[in-house]
Protein backbone atom coordinates (compact mmCIF):
# COMPACT_ATOMS: atom_id res chain seq x y z
CA MET A 1 -108.24 12.99 9.04
CA ILE A 2 -111.33 14.79 7.79
CA TYR A 3 -110.91 17.44 10.50
CA ALA A 4 -107.27 17.99 9.46
CA ASP A 5 -108.29 18.42 5.79
CA ASP A 6 -111.01 20.93 6.73
CA HIS A 7 -108.56 22.87 8.86
CA ARG A 8 -106.04 22.88 6.01
CA LEU A 9 -108.67 24.15 3.54
CA LYS A 10 -109.75 26.93 5.91
CA LEU A 11 -106.13 27.96 6.49
CA THR A 12 -105.46 28.04 2.73
CA ALA A 13 -108.60 30.13 2.13
CA ALA A 14 -107.55 32.55 4.88
CA LYS A 15 -104.08 32.89 3.37
CA ASN A 16 -105.53 33.51 -0.09
CA TRP A 17 -107.93 36.13 1.33
CA LEU A 18 -105.05 37.85 3.17
CA LYS A 19 -102.89 37.78 0.03
CA ASN A 20 -105.68 39.31 -2.07
CA LEU A 21 -106.22 41.99 0.57
CA ILE A 22 -102.52 42.91 0.53
CA ILE A 23 -102.49 43.02 -3.29
CA LEU A 24 -105.60 45.25 -3.25
CA ALA A 25 -103.98 47.56 -0.71
CA ILE A 26 -100.83 47.84 -2.83
CA LEU A 27 -102.90 48.66 -5.89
CA LEU A 28 -104.89 51.30 -4.04
CA ILE A 29 -101.89 53.14 -2.59
CA PRO A 30 -100.86 54.82 -5.88
CA VAL A 31 -104.49 55.74 -6.59
CA ASN A 32 -104.89 57.33 -3.18
CA SER A 33 -101.60 59.13 -3.59
CA LEU A 34 -102.67 60.53 -6.94
CA SER A 35 -106.01 61.59 -5.50
CA GLU A 36 -104.27 63.33 -2.63
CA GLU A 37 -101.86 64.99 -5.04
CA LYS A 38 -104.75 66.15 -7.22
CA LYS A 39 -106.53 67.49 -4.17
CA GLN A 40 -103.42 69.43 -3.24
CA LYS A 41 -103.37 71.07 -6.69
CA ASP A 42 -107.09 71.87 -6.88
CA CYS A 43 -107.39 73.28 -3.38
CA GLN A 44 -105.11 76.16 -2.46
CA TYR A 45 -106.10 77.16 1.08
CA CYS A 46 -107.99 74.09 2.27
CA ASN A 47 -104.71 72.22 2.52
CA LYS A 48 -103.81 74.49 5.40
CA TYR A 49 -107.23 75.30 6.92
CA GLU A 50 -110.12 72.88 7.26
CA ARG A 51 -112.89 75.28 8.28
CA MET A 52 -113.38 79.03 8.06
CA GLU A 53 -113.02 79.39 11.82
CA ASP A 54 -109.47 77.99 11.48
CA TRP A 55 -108.56 80.66 8.95
CA PRO A 56 -107.76 84.05 10.56
CA ILE A 57 -109.37 86.99 8.76
CA SER A 58 -106.03 88.81 8.85
CA GLU A 59 -104.51 86.06 6.69
CA ARG A 60 -107.32 85.87 4.13
CA PRO A 61 -107.26 87.52 0.68
CA LYS A 62 -109.94 90.19 0.16
CA GLU A 63 -112.24 87.89 -1.83
CA PHE A 64 -112.50 85.52 1.16
CA ILE A 65 -113.62 88.19 3.63
CA TYR A 66 -117.34 88.51 4.44
CA GLU A 67 -119.08 91.67 3.29
CA GLU A 68 -122.06 93.34 4.97
CA ILE A 69 -124.47 93.87 2.08
CA ASN A 70 -127.66 95.86 1.75
CA TYR A 71 -129.33 93.39 -0.59
CA PRO A 72 -131.69 94.68 -3.33
CA GLU A 73 -135.34 95.10 -2.38
CA GLY A 74 -137.33 91.95 -3.05
CA MET A 75 -134.33 89.63 -3.14
CA PHE A 76 -135.16 88.18 0.27
CA LYS A 77 -138.93 88.33 0.41
CA SER A 78 -139.70 87.66 4.07
CA LYS A 79 -138.15 89.07 7.25
CA ILE A 80 -137.20 85.56 8.35
CA ASP A 81 -135.26 84.91 5.14
CA ARG A 82 -133.15 88.05 5.56
CA LYS A 83 -133.00 88.19 9.38
CA THR A 84 -129.64 86.49 9.98
CA SER A 85 -126.65 85.48 7.91
CA LYS A 86 -127.60 81.84 8.43
CA ASN A 87 -131.12 82.48 7.12
CA ARG A 88 -129.83 84.39 4.11
CA LYS A 89 -127.41 81.60 3.31
CA ALA A 90 -130.18 78.98 3.53
CA TYR A 91 -132.56 80.98 1.33
CA ALA A 92 -129.90 81.79 -1.27
CA GLY A 93 -128.81 78.14 -1.32
CA LYS A 94 -132.40 77.06 -1.93
CA LYS A 95 -132.77 79.46 -4.87
CA VAL A 96 -129.45 78.37 -6.36
CA TYR A 97 -130.40 74.68 -6.06
CA GLU A 98 -133.79 75.25 -7.68
CA ARG A 99 -132.38 77.22 -10.62
CA PHE A 100 -129.02 75.57 -11.36
CA VAL A 101 -129.75 71.98 -10.31
CA LYS A 102 -133.46 71.17 -10.45
CA LYS A 103 -134.24 73.44 -13.43
CA LYS A 104 -130.88 73.36 -15.18
CA THR A 105 -132.43 72.01 -18.41
CA GLY A 106 -134.37 75.27 -18.78
CA LEU A 107 -131.45 77.67 -18.35
CA ASN A 108 -131.28 78.56 -22.04
CA LYS A 109 -135.03 79.07 -22.23
CA ASN A 110 -135.16 81.24 -19.12
CA GLN A 111 -131.95 83.25 -19.40
CA HIS A 112 -133.57 86.23 -17.64
CA LEU A 113 -134.18 84.09 -14.54
CA MET A 114 -130.73 82.53 -14.78
CA ILE A 115 -129.04 85.96 -14.72
CA ARG A 116 -131.25 87.10 -11.84
CA ASP A 117 -130.48 84.00 -9.77
CA MET A 118 -126.75 84.48 -10.23
CA ALA A 119 -127.25 87.20 -7.62
CA TYR A 120 -128.32 84.44 -5.20
CA PHE A 121 -125.14 82.51 -6.00
CA GLU A 122 -123.14 85.61 -5.04
CA ALA A 123 -125.20 85.90 -1.83
CA LEU A 124 -124.64 82.22 -1.05
CA TYR A 125 -120.89 82.64 -1.40
CA ASN A 126 -120.81 85.81 0.69
CA GLU A 127 -122.91 84.39 3.53
CA THR A 128 -120.89 81.16 3.52
CA LEU A 129 -117.81 83.27 4.29
CA ASN A 130 -119.58 84.27 7.50
CA ASP A 131 -120.18 80.66 8.55
CA PRO A 132 -117.36 79.58 10.92
CA ARG A 133 -118.17 75.88 10.37
CA ALA A 134 -118.09 76.09 6.58
CA LYS A 135 -115.35 74.00 4.98
CA VAL A 136 -112.66 76.01 3.23
CA GLU A 137 -112.67 73.44 0.42
CA SER A 138 -116.37 74.12 -0.22
CA VAL A 139 -115.79 77.87 -0.14
CA GLU A 140 -113.03 77.59 -2.74
CA GLY A 141 -115.35 75.51 -4.92
CA LEU A 142 -118.07 78.16 -4.64
CA LYS A 143 -115.54 80.83 -5.55
CA LYS A 144 -114.68 79.03 -8.80
CA GLY A 145 -118.38 78.81 -9.67
CA ARG A 146 -118.84 82.47 -8.82
CA GLU A 147 -116.01 83.53 -11.13
CA ALA A 148 -117.42 81.45 -13.99
CA MET A 149 -120.81 83.14 -13.61
CA ARG A 150 -119.28 86.60 -13.44
CA MET A 151 -117.74 86.04 -16.86
CA SER A 152 -121.23 86.07 -18.40
CA LEU A 153 -121.59 89.79 -17.62
CA LYS A 154 -117.85 90.55 -17.75
CA ILE A 155 -117.74 91.29 -14.02
CA SER A 156 -114.20 91.37 -12.65
CA PRO A 157 -113.22 88.57 -10.23
CA LYS A 158 -111.89 91.32 -7.98
CA ALA A 159 -115.22 93.20 -7.85
CA SER A 160 -117.02 93.23 -4.50
CA SER A 161 -119.95 90.90 -3.89
CA SER A 162 -122.29 93.88 -3.46
CA GLU A 163 -121.33 95.24 -6.90
CA ALA A 164 -121.80 91.87 -8.61
CA ILE A 165 -125.14 91.25 -6.87
CA LEU A 166 -126.47 94.65 -7.95
CA LYS A 167 -125.47 94.03 -11.59
CA PHE A 168 -126.93 90.52 -11.71
CA TRP A 169 -130.17 91.60 -10.02
CA ALA A 170 -130.68 94.74 -12.11
CA THR A 171 -129.86 92.95 -15.38
CA GLY A 172 -132.16 90.07 -14.45
CA LYS A 173 -135.04 92.45 -13.73
CA MET A 174 -134.49 94.29 -17.01
CA LEU A 175 -134.39 91.03 -19.00
CA THR A 176 -137.49 89.74 -17.18
CA LYS A 177 -139.40 92.88 -18.15
CA ALA A 178 -138.30 92.51 -21.78
CA HIS A 179 -139.20 88.82 -21.72
CA LYS A 180 -142.73 89.58 -20.49
CA GLN A 181 -143.21 92.29 -23.12
CA ASN A 182 -142.02 89.97 -25.91
CA LYS A 183 -144.32 87.26 -24.65
CA LYS A 184 -147.22 89.72 -24.61
CA ASN A 185 -146.46 90.89 -28.15
CA LYS A 186 -146.20 87.31 -29.35
CA LYS A 187 -149.59 86.44 -27.88
CA LYS A 188 -151.09 89.55 -29.48
CA LYS A 189 -149.74 88.57 -32.91
CA GLN A 190 -151.00 85.02 -32.47
CA LYS A 191 -154.42 86.32 -31.51
CA GLU A 192 -154.54 88.61 -34.52
CA ALA A 193 -153.56 85.73 -36.77
CA LEU A 194 -156.24 83.47 -35.29
CA ASP A 195 -159.05 86.05 -35.25
CA PRO A 196 -160.48 86.37 -38.82
CA GLU A 197 -162.17 89.67 -38.08
CA ILE A 198 -158.96 91.27 -36.78
CA ALA A 199 -157.02 89.84 -39.72
CA GLU A 200 -159.61 91.27 -42.14
CA ARG A 201 -159.39 94.68 -40.48
CA ALA A 202 -155.61 94.59 -40.71
CA ALA A 203 -155.85 93.78 -44.43
CA VAL A 204 -158.34 96.63 -45.02
CA LEU A 205 -156.11 99.02 -43.08
CA ALA A 206 -153.05 97.99 -45.11
CA ASN A 207 -154.99 98.47 -48.35
CA LEU A 208 -156.22 101.86 -47.18
CA LYS A 209 -152.67 102.94 -46.40
CA LYS A 210 -151.64 101.98 -49.94
CA GLN A 211 -154.53 103.98 -51.38
CA ILE A 212 -153.62 107.03 -49.30
CA ALA A 213 -150.00 106.78 -50.42
CA LEU A 214 -151.11 106.46 -54.07
CA ALA A 215 -153.45 109.42 -53.68
CA LYS A 216 -150.60 111.54 -52.34
CA VAL A 217 -148.43 110.61 -55.33
CA ASN A 218 -151.24 111.40 -57.79
CA ALA A 219 -151.95 114.70 -56.05
CA GLN A 220 -148.30 115.66 -56.31
CA ARG A 221 -148.29 114.77 -60.00
CA ALA A 222 -151.46 116.79 -60.61
CA ALA A 223 -150.01 119.76 -58.77
CA THR A 224 -146.83 119.54 -60.81
CA ILE A 225 -148.76 119.38 -64.10
CA LYS A 226 -150.93 122.31 -63.01
CA ALA A 227 -147.85 124.32 -62.10
CA GLN A 228 -146.29 123.58 -65.46
CA ASP A 229 -149.50 124.75 -67.20
CA LYS A 230 -149.39 128.00 -65.26
CA ILE A 231 -145.77 128.54 -66.24
CA LYS A 232 -146.70 128.04 -69.90
CA GLU A 233 -149.56 130.52 -69.62
CA VAL A 234 -147.23 133.16 -68.18
CA LYS A 235 -144.69 132.59 -70.95
CA GLU A 236 -147.34 132.86 -73.66
């Protein structure tokens, strides 16, 4: 009798577990369908091609075709980093991760570095196009990020990768130079403010400039008065 009761309890528990599993599956079907539908909307070409090697170059839009680029000097520091497309992709990916993921909280503070490293994002995208095993879905995601970054310098989405890289790199270098100069000037001003002797000299110099300006005004007045006296003498 006890054995029969135990068997009945186990059978009931199994039925309940199976019923719950079926209910869970029914509930998940609409969610999965919505996710799949959303994926279809967000991903244009990855619905047809899984990897870049599956996507014939002849069928790709221009922006999805790899470009041979003569990267700016100093962008890839070592020969190993720039030797192959795979190496360039790895190095660019590392720079992008460091700037836009690890150090993302300092983007506003270091805008000069952010603009410069947008060139690496362009390089990452371009070299990924040359990777036959790269997922088309990932490439499309990178493209969206690339277009968002280009908006910062009003670079056209249709512009070539080489053009965008040159603009990002050159602008970044220019801003870095300006940033260093501003930092240098700021330190100089702080030093002058902290050094009593320099501050005293600055005050003396400012006072001297005022005296020179006043002397010029007085000299002009004296010359005018003298000229007027001469005019009177001539008239008399």
